[in-house]
Every structure is written in structure tokens, then in C-alpha cells.
Amino acid sequence: MELSMSKGNEFVAQTQSPESAAAWKQQLDAYAPGASDWVIGAVFGGTYQRDGLELRDRQMLNMAALAAMGGTEPQLTGHIRTAVETAGMSKEAVAECFVHLMPYIGVPKTLAAMRCMKAAFED
């Protein structure tokens, strides 16, 4: 798998607001300088660039994993926003993903995911 900072930076620019990107980069780099470069190159410039899945599918997987983990509300909110604004998912489809997950992740985590949806759509 080829890693690409330029493709990663391009992906971030297409899917995140400058303020959102700056916030997570600052958080990572505050105590671990350069950590955000790894995310940009390896994740957004590597994993996200692989063939086989569309961005919509990747976002569904991300949302499911983050909702199941819990405690990841800022990241889940951002991925919900990307799913709708960039990956072409409807708000109803996002909600249906969480309804589908409910028997697997439980009602409390589903409710937390729905709060993230509310936050994503209010911004």
C-alpha cells in the first residue's frame, strides 16, 4: 500500500472543515509532534485510497465502529457529517445504520450515536 501525504491532505480538505482538521491535528501533535502526519499519510493517504470500498461504505464502517466503541462522540459526529456532506448518504440512511446496530451495540450507545447525528446536522 502506497502512503501519500498529498493524497491524504487532499482528502482531508475535501471531507473536513479547516477548523475541524486543525482541532484534531492540534490535539494529536500537542504531546506527540508529527502524529497527525501519520494519520494523514497512513489513514487518509493510504487506507482511504485503497480500491474495493466506496467512501459511503467506509463511512458506514467508521460510524459502526465508533458507535460500538462509545466515548468517541467528536469523531463519530465528524464521520456522520462526512457521510452526509461528502459520501452521499441521506440523514435517513445514517439513522437507519444506527437502528440496525441497536441489537448489537445496545440502546444506550444507539442513543449516543443519535445525539451525534443531532450535533452533526445542527452545525
Protein backbone atom coordinates (compact mmCIF):
# COMPACT_ATOMS: atom_id res chain seq x y z
CA MET A 1 0.00 0.00 0.00
CA GLU A 2 1.41 3.34 -1.04
CA LEU A 3 1.18 6.14 1.51
CA SER A 4 0.72 9.66 0.26
CA MET A 5 0.77 12.86 2.28
CA SER A 6 -0.51 14.83 -0.71
CA LYS A 7 -3.48 12.48 -1.26
CA GLY A 8 -4.12 12.48 2.48
CA ASN A 9 -4.10 16.27 2.68
CA GLU A 10 -6.36 16.45 -0.37
CA PHE A 11 -8.81 14.01 1.24
CA VAL A 12 -8.85 15.98 4.49
CA ALA A 13 -9.50 19.22 2.58
CA GLN A 14 -12.42 17.59 0.72
CA THR A 15 -14.06 15.99 3.75
CA GLN A 16 -13.39 18.26 6.74
CA SER A 17 -13.68 21.91 7.56
CA PRO A 18 -10.36 23.67 8.15
CA GLU A 19 -11.41 24.22 11.78
CA SER A 20 -12.23 20.55 12.35
CA ALA A 21 -8.98 19.35 10.78
CA ALA A 22 -6.94 21.89 12.75
CA ALA A 23 -8.58 20.77 16.01
CA TRP A 24 -7.73 17.06 15.73
CA LYS A 25 -4.26 17.80 14.35
CA GLN A 26 -3.52 20.11 17.28
CA GLN A 27 -4.81 17.51 19.74
CA LEU A 28 -2.55 14.80 18.34
CA ASP A 29 0.51 16.99 17.88
CA ALA A 30 0.35 18.81 21.24
CA TYR A 31 2.10 15.97 23.04
CA ALA A 32 3.23 13.84 20.12
CA PRO A 33 4.56 16.15 17.40
CA GLY A 34 4.08 14.65 13.95
CA ALA A 35 1.34 12.22 14.98
CA SER A 36 -1.15 13.99 12.71
CA ASP A 37 1.21 13.44 9.78
CA TRP A 38 0.91 9.69 10.34
CA VAL A 39 -2.90 9.90 10.28
CA ILE A 40 -2.82 11.99 7.10
CA GLY A 41 -0.33 9.78 5.29
CA ALA A 42 -1.26 6.30 6.53
CA VAL A 43 -5.00 6.62 7.04
CA PHE A 44 -6.29 9.33 4.68
CA GLY A 45 -3.46 8.97 2.16
CA GLY A 46 -3.22 5.18 2.47
CA THR A 47 -6.14 3.14 3.77
CA TYR A 48 -8.78 5.50 2.36
CA GLN A 49 -7.13 5.36 -1.07
CA ARG A 50 -7.39 1.58 -1.46
CA ASP A 51 -9.70 0.07 -4.06
CA GLY A 52 -12.66 -2.08 -3.08
CA LEU A 53 -14.83 0.24 -0.98
CA GLU A 54 -16.56 3.47 -1.82
CA LEU A 55 -16.37 6.39 0.61
CA ARG A 56 -20.01 5.74 1.58
CA ASP A 57 -19.12 2.18 2.64
CA ARG A 58 -16.06 3.37 4.55
CA GLN A 59 -18.15 5.93 6.40
CA MET A 60 -20.72 3.30 7.37
CA LEU A 61 -17.94 1.11 8.74
CA ASN A 62 -16.42 4.05 10.61
CA MET A 63 -19.76 5.05 12.09
CA ALA A 64 -20.50 1.48 13.19
CA ALA A 65 -17.10 1.04 14.82
CA LEU A 66 -17.18 4.41 16.57
CA ALA A 67 -20.76 3.94 17.78
CA ALA A 68 -19.89 0.48 19.10
CA MET A 69 -16.82 1.76 20.94
CA GLY A 70 -18.58 4.64 22.63
CA GLY A 71 -16.71 7.60 24.05
CA THR A 72 -15.83 8.76 20.54
CA GLU A 73 -18.51 11.40 20.09
CA PRO A 74 -16.37 14.08 18.38
CA GLN A 75 -15.05 11.56 15.85
CA LEU A 76 -18.47 9.98 15.29
CA THR A 77 -20.05 13.39 14.74
CA GLY A 78 -17.38 14.22 12.16
CA HIS A 79 -17.84 10.94 10.31
CA ILE A 80 -21.61 11.42 10.26
CA ARG A 81 -21.09 14.86 8.75
CA THR A 82 -18.72 13.42 6.12
CA ALA A 83 -21.17 10.60 5.34
CA VAL A 84 -23.90 13.10 4.50
CA GLU A 85 -21.96 16.04 3.07
CA THR A 86 -19.32 14.16 1.08
CA ALA A 87 -20.20 10.47 0.76
CA GLY A 88 -23.78 10.99 -0.44
CA MET A 89 -25.66 9.34 2.42
CA SER A 90 -29.03 10.72 3.41
CA LYS A 91 -29.74 11.63 7.01
CA GLU A 92 -32.36 8.86 6.98
CA ALA A 93 -29.79 6.29 5.84
CA VAL A 94 -27.42 7.32 8.63
CA ALA A 95 -30.22 6.98 11.17
CA GLU A 96 -31.10 3.57 9.74
CA CYS A 97 -27.48 2.43 10.20
CA PHE A 98 -27.76 3.15 13.92
CA VAL A 99 -31.17 1.49 14.17
CA HIS A 100 -29.66 -1.58 12.50
CA LEU A 101 -26.81 -1.56 15.03
CA MET A 102 -29.10 -1.26 18.05
CA PRO A 103 -29.42 -5.00 18.80
CA TYR A 104 -25.64 -5.36 18.51
CA ILE A 105 -24.41 -2.27 20.39
CA GLY A 106 -27.35 -1.63 22.72
CA VAL A 107 -29.83 1.16 23.20
CA PRO A 108 -27.53 3.50 25.22
CA LYS A 109 -24.84 3.54 22.52
CA THR A 110 -27.50 3.95 19.83
CA LEU A 111 -28.93 6.94 21.71
CA ALA A 112 -25.41 8.40 21.96
CA ALA A 113 -25.00 7.95 18.19
CA MET A 114 -28.32 9.70 17.60
CA ARG A 115 -27.11 12.63 19.73
CA CYS A 116 -24.06 12.77 17.47
CA MET A 117 -26.39 12.87 14.45
CA LYS A 118 -28.24 15.81 16.01
CA ALA A 119 -24.94 17.62 16.61
CA ALA A 120 -23.69 16.89 13.08
CA PHE A 121 -26.84 18.22 11.48
CA GLU A 122 -27.11 21.32 13.67
CA ASP A 123 -23.61 22.60 12.83
